[in-house]
Amino acid sequence: MSSEAQGRGIGKKLVSHCLDLANETPGIEALFLHTTPFMLIAQRIYASMGFERITDRDLKINDDLTLLAYIYKLARS
């Protein structure tokens, strides 16, 4: 996201929309995502929205980059 878009709530709105779509879709139990270690603002957004870190799903791209995994478990009745 460009620096002019930061701080305007766009990232949180996008994640919220994805959660809404997942909640409306039968059979989806969780959402997974990957982010980079340097995307600290995104990581704070994910945590504030209920995503949890799951290190067993981290993805090592190369010696310099590992993608961090997050999960959001949907409340299903």
C-alpha atoms as a PDB file:
ATOM      1  CA  MET A   1       0.000   0.000   0.000  1.00  0.00           C
ATOM      2  CA  SER A   2       1.345   3.428  -0.846  1.00  0.00           C
ATOM      3  CA  SER A   3       2.389   5.808   1.905  1.00  0.00           C
ATOM      4  CA  GLU A   4      -0.441   8.205   1.001  1.00  0.00           C
ATOM      5  CA  ALA A   5      -2.964   5.421   1.657  1.00  0.00           C
ATOM      6  CA  GLN A   6      -1.501   4.555   5.058  1.00  0.00           C
ATOM      7  CA  GLY A   7      -3.390   5.728   8.107  1.00  0.00           C
ATOM      8  CA  ARG A   8      -6.704   6.003   6.299  1.00  0.00           C
ATOM      9  CA  GLY A   9      -8.131   2.663   7.442  1.00  0.00           C
ATOM     10  CA  ILE A  10      -8.065   1.101   3.989  1.00  0.00           C
ATOM     11  CA  GLY A  11      -6.118  -1.988   5.059  1.00  0.00           C
ATOM     12  CA  LYS A  12      -8.485  -2.653   7.944  1.00  0.00           C
ATOM     13  CA  LYS A  13     -11.500  -2.222   5.644  1.00  0.00           C
ATOM     14  CA  LEU A  14     -10.061  -4.714   3.161  1.00  0.00           C
ATOM     15  CA  VAL A  15      -9.428  -7.302   5.869  1.00  0.00           C
ATOM     16  CA  SER A  16     -12.889  -6.692   7.330  1.00  0.00           C
ATOM     17  CA  HIS A  17     -14.462  -7.237   3.905  1.00  0.00           C
ATOM     18  CA  CYS A  18     -12.584 -10.534   3.518  1.00  0.00           C
ATOM     19  CA  LEU A  19     -13.832 -11.644   6.941  1.00  0.00           C
ATOM     20  CA  ASP A  20     -17.399 -10.686   5.988  1.00  0.00           C
ATOM     21  CA  LEU A  21     -17.167 -12.708   2.759  1.00  0.00           C
ATOM     22  CA  ALA A  22     -15.731 -15.706   4.589  1.00  0.00           C
ATOM     23  CA  ASN A  23     -18.500 -15.546   7.214  1.00  0.00           C
ATOM     24  CA  GLU A  24     -21.114 -15.496   4.442  1.00  0.00           C
ATOM     25  CA  THR A  25     -19.601 -18.520   2.700  1.00  0.00           C
ATOM     26  CA  PRO A  26     -20.660 -21.939   4.017  1.00  0.00           C
ATOM     27  CA  GLY A  27     -17.881 -24.389   4.748  1.00  0.00           C
ATOM     28  CA  ILE A  28     -15.112 -21.899   5.435  1.00  0.00           C
ATOM     29  CA  GLU A  29     -13.735 -22.459   8.922  1.00  0.00           C
ATOM     30  CA  ALA A  30     -10.709 -20.165   8.911  1.00  0.00           C
ATOM     31  CA  LEU A  31      -8.741 -17.610   6.947  1.00  0.00           C
ATOM     32  CA  PHE A  32      -4.986 -17.844   6.585  1.00  0.00           C
ATOM     33  CA  LEU A  33      -2.628 -15.146   5.409  1.00  0.00           C
ATOM     34  CA  HIS A  34       1.077 -14.526   5.082  1.00  0.00           C
ATOM     35  CA  THR A  35       2.908 -11.255   5.607  1.00  0.00           C
ATOM     36  CA  THR A  36       6.510 -10.154   5.735  1.00  0.00           C
ATOM     37  CA  PRO A  37       8.374  -9.450   8.976  1.00  0.00           C
ATOM     38  CA  PHE A  38       8.845  -5.781   8.037  1.00  0.00           C
ATOM     39  CA  MET A  39       5.103  -5.127   7.584  1.00  0.00           C
ATOM     40  CA  LEU A  40       4.624  -4.181  11.235  1.00  0.00           C
ATOM     41  CA  ILE A  41       1.542  -2.020  10.676  1.00  0.00           C
ATOM     42  CA  ALA A  42      -0.207  -4.863   8.857  1.00  0.00           C
ATOM     43  CA  GLN A  43       0.716  -7.269  11.649  1.00  0.00           C
ATOM     44  CA  ARG A  44      -0.828  -4.915  14.215  1.00  0.00           C
ATOM     45  CA  ILE A  45      -4.009  -4.684  12.128  1.00  0.00           C
ATOM     46  CA  TYR A  46      -4.277  -8.472  11.878  1.00  0.00           C
ATOM     47  CA  ALA A  47      -3.741  -8.924  15.622  1.00  0.00           C
ATOM     48  CA  SER A  48      -6.273  -6.206  16.482  1.00  0.00           C
ATOM     49  CA  MET A  49      -8.860  -7.956  14.305  1.00  0.00           C
ATOM     50  CA  GLY A  50      -8.410 -11.346  15.960  1.00  0.00           C
ATOM     51  CA  PHE A  51      -5.820 -13.050  13.758  1.00  0.00           C
ATOM     52  CA  GLU A  52      -3.322 -15.231  15.609  1.00  0.00           C
ATOM     53  CA  ARG A  53       0.245 -16.074  14.657  1.00  0.00           C
ATOM     54  CA  ILE A  54       0.802 -19.705  13.682  1.00  0.00           C
ATOM     55  CA  THR A  55       4.500 -20.309  13.286  1.00  0.00           C
ATOM     56  CA  ASP A  56       4.072 -23.845  11.924  1.00  0.00           C
ATOM     57  CA  ARG A  57       2.652 -22.318   8.714  1.00  0.00           C
ATOM     58  CA  ASP A  58       5.440 -19.778   8.200  1.00  0.00           C
ATOM     59  CA  LEU A  59       6.884 -20.030   4.714  1.00  0.00           C
ATOM     60  CA  LYS A  60      10.625 -19.730   4.152  1.00  0.00           C
ATOM     61  CA  ILE A  61      11.163 -18.160   0.736  1.00  0.00           C
ATOM     62  CA  ASN A  62      14.957 -17.973   0.963  1.00  0.00           C
ATOM     63  CA  ASP A  63      17.682 -17.288   3.549  1.00  0.00           C
ATOM     64  CA  ASP A  64      16.663 -13.630   3.710  1.00  0.00           C
ATOM     65  CA  LEU A  65      12.876 -13.908   3.761  1.00  0.00           C
ATOM     66  CA  THR A  66      10.382 -15.913   5.759  1.00  0.00           C
ATOM     67  CA  LEU A  67       6.684 -15.107   5.406  1.00  0.00           C
ATOM     68  CA  LEU A  68       4.823 -14.996   8.719  1.00  0.00           C
ATOM     69  CA  ALA A  69       1.566 -16.948   8.901  1.00  0.00           C
ATOM     70  CA  TYR A  70      -1.651 -15.832  10.601  1.00  0.00           C
ATOM     71  CA  ILE A  71      -5.018 -17.526  11.110  1.00  0.00           C
ATOM     72  CA  TYR A  72      -8.477 -16.221  11.876  1.00  0.00           C
ATOM     73  CA  LYS A  73     -10.863 -18.927  13.062  1.00  0.00           C
ATOM     74  CA  LEU A  74     -14.447 -18.221  12.088  1.00  0.00           C
ATOM     75  CA  ALA A  75     -17.135 -18.705  14.695  1.00  0.00           C
ATOM     76  CA  ARG A  76     -19.400 -21.419  13.284  1.00  0.00           C
ATOM     77  CA  SER A  77     -22.408 -22.873  15.058  1.00  0.00           C
END
